[in-house]
Amino acid sequence: MKKIFTLICLAFVTINASAQREIWDPNAEDVQALITTALENPTKLTNDNFLSVPASKKIFDVSTRDNCQASGDWSIVKAEASKIEMTTWILETGTPSVKLKVVSTPDTGDAAESPNNGLQMAGDAGGHALSGVEGFPTFTKYLKSKNGVGGITYLEFTELNSEGNPTFRTVETPWTADCGQAPAKGFYCQFTPSKDGSITAGIWMNKNLKGKTLFVVDGSDFKPVPNLKIQGFRNDKTYEFKGEVAEGESKPVTCIEWTLDENHQLVFAEGDTDTNRPFFAYVTWEVKKDVNYYLLGGNNSIGISGFFFDETDPAHITSVQTEKADAPTYNLAGQRVNGNFKGVVIQNGKKVMNK
C-alpha cells in the first residue's frame, strides 16, 4: 500500500526546468571583430525603388522637391530616373537560438564619405548605459549608422536652390504600418529565432522624439507587433528620477514604462514637452520560431545596444487530473479507506479532512 501512495504523490509533481538566457552584446570582442569584417566587405544592393537622376543628365527647377512633396506626385522626377546600386553593410551575428542580421544602407553620399557611416559604435558606458531594470543585463555603447531611417524607397536628384545653385536632394518613403513589406534601406535589425520565446532589445533613438515612430515588425504578415513592453529613459540613466536625494548622494538609475500610441509614437505625459532628447530603452516582445522580426525606426534613426533571448519554458509538465467526487480515498499510510473514515485522507491527489 505504501507504494500506491508514493505513485499518487508523484503524479501531481510539477516539473519546471528554467531555460538559460542568451545575451548578445555588440561591445563583445568577437562581435567587434565581426563588425570590422562587415565594414571591410560591403555589398551592393539593387531595388526597383532605388532611383537616381544624375546632375549630368538634368538639374530640376527651384522648389521641385517641395512641389512634388505637396502634391504627392514625383512623376516629373522619376521620368528622368534610373535604377542605382546602393552600398550596404551587413553584420550577421546572434546567439545560439537567435540569428541577428544588422543591415545598413545609408544614402549614397553618406556611403561614399566613409564605411563608418554605414556601421558605427556610439554612446558611452556612463550616462548612456542602459540599466535600471531588475534582472536585465546592462548595455553600454550602441551600434548605429549615420542614416538610420528604415525606408522602402529612395530617390535622389539635383535642383536649383533659391540662389540658383545646384543642390543635391534625397527623398525617402519611410516604413509604415500598412506598407506590407520588409524595410529596404536605412538601418534595421532582423531577428530570426529558432525557438519560441521572448526577445528584449536595448535600443537608442535619436532626439526630437515627438512624432517619431518605432516598430517591431512581424515578418509573417509585415504588421507591427502589438503590445511592446518598453522600459527606458530620456537623455541619461538618472533623468527620469523626479524625487529628492540627500546632499552628496547620487540620483538612482531610473527606467520607466512607456507606451506607443496608434501611430507607433512614444506617448508623453500631459504637459511633458521635453522631447528633444535621445531615448534609451529595453523593448520586449514575444517571438515564434523561424519567423523574422524587424526592429526599425520608421522616420527616426535608431541603434541597438544589445539583446537577450528567453526561451518559452517547454518543461511545465503538470499532470492534469479531473477531480471525481467518488474517487478512492487513502489514509496517510497509503491504505485505501471508505467514506466513513474520520481524519485526513488523500483524494484526487489532495489532502482532505473527513469529519
Protein backbone atom coordinates (compact mmCIF):
# COMPACT_ATOMS: atom_id res chain seq x y z
CA MET A 1 0.00 0.00 0.00
CA LYS A 2 2.90 2.33 0.68
CA LYS A 3 3.96 2.00 -2.95
CA ILE A 4 0.49 3.06 -4.15
CA PHE A 5 0.63 6.23 -2.04
CA THR A 6 4.04 7.13 -3.43
CA LEU A 7 2.82 6.83 -7.01
CA ILE A 8 -0.20 9.01 -6.31
CA CYS A 9 2.03 11.78 -4.95
CA LEU A 10 4.40 11.64 -7.91
CA ALA A 11 1.51 12.03 -10.34
CA PHE A 12 0.98 15.58 -9.10
CA VAL A 13 4.54 16.85 -9.12
CA THR A 14 5.15 19.86 -11.47
CA ILE A 15 8.49 19.80 -13.28
CA ASN A 16 9.81 23.27 -14.07
CA ALA A 17 13.12 23.45 -15.96
CA SER A 18 14.32 27.03 -16.48
CA ALA A 19 15.83 27.80 -19.88
CA GLN A 20 19.13 29.65 -19.95
CA ARG A 21 19.09 33.30 -21.04
CA GLU A 22 21.14 34.10 -24.14
CA ILE A 23 22.73 37.56 -24.33
CA TRP A 24 24.22 39.38 -27.33
CA ASP A 25 26.37 42.47 -26.81
CA PRO A 26 27.90 44.48 -29.69
CA ASN A 27 30.74 45.50 -27.39
CA ALA A 28 31.94 41.90 -27.03
CA GLU A 29 35.33 41.23 -28.60
CA ASP A 30 34.07 38.58 -31.03
CA VAL A 31 31.22 40.83 -32.22
CA GLN A 32 33.60 43.74 -32.68
CA ALA A 33 35.68 41.51 -34.94
CA LEU A 34 32.58 40.70 -37.00
CA ILE A 35 31.74 44.41 -37.27
CA THR A 36 35.24 45.12 -38.59
CA THR A 37 34.83 42.36 -41.16
CA ALA A 38 31.43 43.72 -42.21
CA LEU A 39 32.86 47.22 -42.68
CA GLU A 40 35.63 45.84 -44.87
CA ASN A 41 33.22 43.87 -47.05
CA PRO A 42 30.29 46.00 -48.19
CA THR A 43 27.88 44.72 -50.82
CA LYS A 44 25.78 46.39 -53.48
CA LEU A 45 22.01 46.38 -53.09
CA THR A 46 19.63 46.88 -56.02
CA ASN A 47 15.94 47.60 -55.83
CA ASP A 48 13.36 48.83 -58.33
CA ASN A 49 12.64 51.68 -55.90
CA PHE A 50 16.23 52.93 -55.64
CA LEU A 51 16.33 55.70 -58.26
CA SER A 52 18.69 58.50 -59.23
CA VAL A 53 18.79 61.37 -61.71
CA PRO A 54 22.45 62.38 -62.25
CA ALA A 55 23.09 66.10 -62.37
CA SER A 56 24.86 65.48 -65.68
CA LYS A 57 21.50 64.41 -67.09
CA LYS A 58 19.16 67.00 -65.59
CA ILE A 59 19.04 69.71 -62.94
CA PHE A 60 15.49 70.47 -61.88
CA ASP A 61 13.89 73.85 -61.27
CA VAL A 62 13.74 75.62 -57.92
CA SER A 63 11.35 74.02 -55.38
CA THR A 64 10.84 70.83 -57.40
CA ARG A 65 11.15 68.77 -54.22
CA ASP A 66 8.72 70.95 -52.26
CA ASN A 67 6.17 70.95 -55.07
CA CYS A 68 6.32 67.17 -55.52
CA GLN A 69 6.02 66.57 -51.79
CA ALA A 70 2.99 68.85 -51.62
CA SER A 71 1.23 67.07 -54.49
CA GLY A 72 2.50 63.57 -53.76
CA ASP A 73 3.35 63.23 -57.44
CA TRP A 74 7.01 62.53 -58.26
CA SER A 75 6.47 61.53 -61.87
CA ILE A 76 8.33 64.57 -63.22
CA VAL A 77 11.48 63.38 -61.43
CA LYS A 78 11.00 59.64 -61.86
CA ALA A 79 10.58 60.08 -65.61
CA GLU A 80 14.26 61.03 -65.76
CA ALA A 81 15.49 58.49 -63.19
CA SER A 82 17.35 55.22 -63.48
CA LYS A 83 17.84 52.36 -61.01
CA ILE A 84 21.00 52.50 -58.94
CA GLU A 85 23.02 50.22 -56.68
CA MET A 86 23.39 51.29 -53.06
CA THR A 87 26.30 50.34 -50.83
CA THR A 88 25.12 48.14 -47.98
CA TRP A 89 26.86 46.80 -44.89
CA ILE A 90 25.51 43.59 -43.37
CA LEU A 91 26.51 42.22 -39.97
CA GLU A 92 25.49 38.60 -39.36
CA THR A 93 25.77 37.56 -35.74
CA GLY A 94 23.49 36.45 -32.89
CA THR A 95 23.15 33.82 -30.15
CA PRO A 96 22.71 30.03 -30.35
CA SER A 97 18.93 30.43 -30.68
CA VAL A 98 18.57 33.78 -32.47
CA LYS A 99 20.16 34.85 -35.74
CA LEU A 100 20.67 38.60 -35.92
CA LYS A 101 21.25 40.45 -39.17
CA VAL A 102 22.04 44.16 -38.88
CA VAL A 103 21.57 45.91 -42.22
CA SER A 104 22.70 49.43 -43.03
CA THR A 105 22.08 51.09 -46.40
CA PRO A 106 22.79 54.80 -45.94
CA ASP A 107 22.21 57.47 -48.57
CA THR A 108 24.74 57.32 -51.41
CA GLY A 109 26.53 60.47 -50.27
CA ASP A 110 26.95 59.09 -46.74
CA ALA A 111 28.20 55.77 -48.07
CA ALA A 112 30.81 57.48 -50.23
CA GLU A 113 32.20 59.50 -47.34
CA SER A 114 33.21 56.62 -45.08
CA PRO A 115 32.31 52.98 -44.29
CA ASN A 116 31.91 54.11 -40.68
CA ASN A 117 28.77 55.95 -41.77
CA GLY A 118 27.35 52.51 -42.54
CA LEU A 119 28.08 50.93 -39.14
CA GLN A 120 29.44 52.81 -36.14
CA MET A 121 29.58 52.45 -32.37
CA ALA A 122 28.28 55.38 -30.34
CA GLY A 123 27.33 56.31 -26.78
CA ASP A 124 29.32 55.72 -23.60
CA ALA A 125 29.43 53.42 -20.61
CA GLY A 126 28.41 56.22 -18.25
CA GLY A 127 25.19 58.17 -18.55
CA HIS A 128 24.11 56.33 -21.69
CA ALA A 129 24.49 52.86 -20.19
CA LEU A 130 21.12 51.11 -20.39
CA SER A 131 20.28 49.63 -17.00
CA GLY A 132 17.78 50.05 -14.20
CA VAL A 133 15.51 47.03 -14.71
CA GLU A 134 16.00 44.26 -12.18
CA GLY A 135 17.29 41.06 -13.75
CA PHE A 136 18.19 42.72 -17.07
CA PRO A 137 21.81 42.97 -18.28
CA THR A 138 23.44 46.38 -18.64
CA PHE A 139 24.13 47.51 -22.21
CA THR A 140 26.57 50.34 -22.90
CA LYS A 141 27.58 51.55 -26.37
CA TYR A 142 25.20 51.02 -29.25
CA LEU A 143 25.58 50.14 -32.93
CA LYS A 144 24.02 52.52 -35.46
CA SER A 145 24.51 54.11 -38.85
CA LYS A 146 24.67 57.74 -39.93
CA ASN A 147 21.36 57.38 -41.76
CA GLY A 148 19.17 55.08 -39.70
CA VAL A 149 15.67 55.68 -41.04
CA GLY A 150 14.01 52.44 -42.13
CA GLY A 151 12.69 53.13 -45.63
CA ILE A 152 11.13 51.36 -48.61
CA THR A 153 12.06 53.79 -51.44
CA TYR A 154 14.92 56.14 -52.26
CA LEU A 155 15.12 58.90 -54.87
CA GLU A 156 17.99 61.33 -55.45
CA PHE A 157 18.30 64.24 -57.83
CA THR A 158 19.66 67.79 -58.13
CA GLU A 159 17.65 71.00 -58.23
CA LEU A 160 18.43 74.70 -58.11
CA ASN A 161 18.13 76.40 -54.74
CA SER A 162 16.73 79.87 -54.19
CA GLU A 163 20.12 81.37 -55.05
CA GLY A 164 20.31 79.49 -58.32
CA ASN A 165 22.95 76.99 -57.19
CA PRO A 166 22.67 73.22 -57.88
CA THR A 167 21.66 71.38 -54.69
CA PHE A 168 21.63 67.61 -54.17
CA ARG A 169 18.31 66.28 -52.81
CA THR A 170 17.29 62.89 -51.41
CA VAL A 171 13.74 61.70 -50.77
CA GLU A 172 12.75 58.52 -48.95
CA THR A 173 9.48 56.78 -48.19
CA PRO A 174 9.66 55.61 -44.56
CA TRP A 175 8.36 52.24 -43.44
CA THR A 176 4.74 52.47 -42.29
CA ALA A 177 2.34 50.02 -40.67
CA ASP A 178 0.39 49.47 -43.88
CA CYS A 179 3.22 49.22 -46.43
CA GLY A 180 3.10 45.40 -46.42
CA GLN A 181 6.80 44.71 -46.93
CA ALA A 182 10.14 44.42 -45.22
CA PRO A 183 12.32 47.55 -44.92
CA ALA A 184 14.54 48.08 -47.96
CA LYS A 185 17.15 50.59 -46.80
CA GLY A 186 18.37 52.60 -43.87
CA PHE A 187 19.31 50.83 -40.63
CA TYR A 188 17.32 47.89 -39.26
CA CYS A 189 17.82 44.69 -37.27
CA GLN A 190 16.37 41.35 -38.36
CA PHE A 191 15.92 38.71 -35.64
CA THR A 192 15.21 35.07 -36.55
CA PRO A 193 14.67 32.81 -33.52
CA SER A 194 14.86 29.03 -33.79
CA LYS A 195 12.66 28.63 -30.71
CA ASP A 196 9.57 30.24 -29.24
CA GLY A 197 10.27 32.77 -26.52
CA SER A 198 10.80 36.47 -26.00
CA ILE A 199 13.41 38.95 -27.19
CA THR A 200 14.39 42.07 -25.30
CA ALA A 201 16.45 44.52 -27.35
CA GLY A 202 18.32 47.51 -25.98
CA ILE A 203 17.75 50.48 -28.28
CA TRP A 204 18.80 54.07 -28.82
CA MET A 205 16.50 56.54 -30.59
CA ASN A 206 17.71 59.89 -31.85
CA LYS A 207 16.42 63.09 -30.25
CA ASN A 208 13.41 65.07 -31.50
CA LEU A 209 11.22 62.22 -30.27
CA LYS A 210 7.84 63.88 -30.78
CA GLY A 211 6.15 62.31 -33.78
CA LYS A 212 8.91 59.74 -34.33
CA THR A 213 7.92 56.11 -34.89
CA LEU A 214 9.28 52.85 -33.51
CA PHE A 215 8.39 49.44 -34.94
CA VAL A 216 8.95 45.77 -34.34
CA VAL A 217 7.59 44.13 -37.49
CA ASP A 218 6.33 40.53 -37.69
CA GLY A 219 7.77 39.10 -40.92
CA SER A 220 4.92 36.60 -41.32
CA ASP A 221 2.49 39.38 -42.28
CA PHE A 222 4.65 42.55 -42.15
CA LYS A 223 2.44 44.05 -39.48
CA PRO A 224 3.73 45.78 -36.34
CA VAL A 225 3.97 43.56 -33.27
CA PRO A 226 1.39 44.89 -30.77
CA ASN A 227 1.82 45.48 -27.06
CA LEU A 228 5.55 46.05 -26.94
CA LYS A 229 6.89 46.35 -23.41
CA ILE A 230 9.12 49.42 -23.33
CA GLN A 231 11.20 50.39 -20.28
CA GLY A 232 13.63 53.25 -20.66
CA PHE A 233 14.71 56.84 -20.11
CA ARG A 234 15.46 60.04 -21.97
CA ASN A 235 18.83 61.74 -22.03
CA ASP A 236 20.66 59.70 -19.38
CA LYS A 237 20.02 56.98 -16.84
CA THR A 238 19.02 59.30 -13.95
CA TYR A 239 16.97 61.80 -15.95
CA GLU A 240 13.55 60.26 -15.22
CA PHE A 241 14.10 60.34 -11.44
CA LYS A 242 11.88 63.12 -10.06
CA GLY A 243 12.46 62.65 -6.34
CA GLU A 244 14.88 64.24 -3.91
CA VAL A 245 18.23 62.88 -2.78
CA ALA A 246 20.29 63.77 0.24
CA GLU A 247 23.25 66.07 -0.20
CA GLY A 248 26.24 64.19 -1.53
CA GLU A 249 24.14 61.27 -2.81
CA SER A 250 23.68 60.42 -6.48
CA LYS A 251 20.34 60.10 -8.21
CA PRO A 252 19.37 56.47 -8.79
CA VAL A 253 19.18 54.88 -12.23
CA THR A 254 15.55 55.20 -13.28
CA CYS A 255 13.83 53.28 -16.07
CA ILE A 256 10.13 53.98 -16.51
CA GLU A 257 7.50 52.24 -18.63
CA TRP A 258 6.45 53.76 -21.94
CA THR A 259 3.72 53.02 -24.45
CA LEU A 260 3.20 53.69 -28.14
CA ASP A 261 0.06 55.33 -29.48
CA GLU A 262 -1.93 54.16 -32.52
CA ASN A 263 0.65 55.84 -34.74
CA HIS A 264 3.51 53.90 -33.07
CA GLN A 265 4.90 57.04 -31.45
CA LEU A 266 6.02 57.39 -27.84
CA VAL A 267 3.30 58.69 -25.54
CA PHE A 268 4.35 61.56 -23.28
CA ALA A 269 2.54 62.66 -20.14
CA GLU A 270 0.25 65.64 -20.49
CA GLY A 271 2.33 68.81 -20.33
CA ASP A 272 5.60 66.96 -20.90
CA THR A 273 7.21 68.76 -23.82
CA ASP A 274 10.78 67.72 -23.11
CA THR A 275 11.12 65.56 -26.23
CA ASN A 276 14.32 66.88 -27.79
CA ARG A 277 16.48 64.27 -26.10
CA PRO A 278 17.85 60.85 -27.06
CA PHE A 279 15.96 57.81 -25.80
CA PHE A 280 17.38 54.57 -24.39
CA ALA A 281 15.13 51.61 -23.67
CA TYR A 282 14.61 47.88 -23.32
CA VAL A 283 11.97 46.72 -25.82
CA THR A 284 10.43 43.28 -25.23
CA TRP A 285 8.15 41.19 -27.43
CA GLU A 286 7.08 37.56 -27.84
CA VAL A 287 8.53 35.59 -30.77
CA LYS A 288 7.72 32.41 -32.65
CA LYS A 289 10.40 30.16 -34.04
CA ASP A 290 11.51 30.62 -37.66
CA VAL A 291 9.72 33.97 -38.05
CA ASN A 292 11.69 37.09 -39.00
CA TYR A 293 11.21 40.17 -36.82
CA TYR A 294 12.42 43.61 -37.89
CA LEU A 295 13.35 46.35 -35.44
CA LEU A 296 13.47 49.82 -37.00
CA GLY A 297 12.60 53.48 -36.72
CA GLY A 298 10.13 54.41 -39.43
CA ASN A 299 11.07 58.08 -39.50
CA ASN A 300 13.86 58.27 -36.96
CA SER A 301 17.37 56.91 -36.52
CA ILE A 302 17.79 54.03 -34.09
CA GLY A 303 20.63 51.89 -32.80
CA ILE A 304 20.96 48.59 -30.92
CA SER A 305 22.95 48.25 -27.69
CA GLY A 306 22.31 44.51 -27.27
CA PHE A 307 19.58 41.95 -26.84
CA PHE A 308 18.74 38.87 -24.84
CA PHE A 309 16.53 35.88 -25.58
CA ASP A 310 14.44 33.90 -23.10
CA GLU A 311 13.05 30.64 -24.39
CA THR A 312 9.44 29.74 -23.64
CA ASP A 313 9.77 27.07 -20.97
CA PRO A 314 8.73 23.77 -22.58
CA ALA A 315 9.02 21.83 -19.32
CA HIS A 316 5.93 22.95 -17.43
CA ILE A 317 4.84 19.33 -17.21
CA THR A 318 1.85 19.19 -14.94
CA SER A 319 -0.37 16.16 -14.61
CA VAL A 320 -3.91 17.37 -15.19
CA GLN A 321 -6.46 15.25 -13.40
CA THR A 322 -10.23 15.51 -13.39
CA GLU A 323 -11.45 15.53 -9.82
CA LYS A 324 -14.16 12.96 -9.11
CA ALA A 325 -16.46 13.02 -6.13
CA ASP A 326 -16.34 9.22 -5.90
CA ALA A 327 -12.58 8.93 -6.37
CA PRO A 328 -10.93 6.43 -3.99
CA THR A 329 -9.50 7.78 -0.73
CA TYR A 330 -6.36 6.80 1.16
CA ASN A 331 -5.13 7.48 4.66
CA LEU A 332 -1.70 8.99 5.29
CA ALA A 333 -0.20 5.49 5.42
CA GLY A 334 -1.25 4.92 1.82
CA GLN A 335 -4.03 2.48 2.73
CA ARG A 336 -7.34 2.71 0.92
CA VAL A 337 -10.25 3.65 3.24
CA ASN A 338 -14.01 4.12 2.80
CA GLY A 339 -16.08 7.28 3.14
CA ASN A 340 -16.74 6.65 6.84
CA PHE A 341 -13.08 7.13 7.75
CA LYS A 342 -12.51 10.13 10.04
CA GLY A 343 -9.42 12.29 9.76
CA VAL A 344 -7.07 13.40 6.99
CA VAL A 345 -7.36 11.46 3.73
CA ILE A 346 -5.88 11.74 0.23
CA GLN A 347 -8.47 12.09 -2.56
CA ASN A 348 -7.88 13.35 -6.09
CA GLY A 349 -4.28 13.94 -5.08
CA LYS A 350 -5.23 16.39 -2.33
CA LYS A 351 -5.38 16.19 1.44
CA VAL A 352 -8.96 16.39 2.67
CA MET A 353 -10.28 16.42 6.25
CA ASN A 354 -13.13 13.97 6.74
CA LYS A 355 -15.19 14.80 9.82
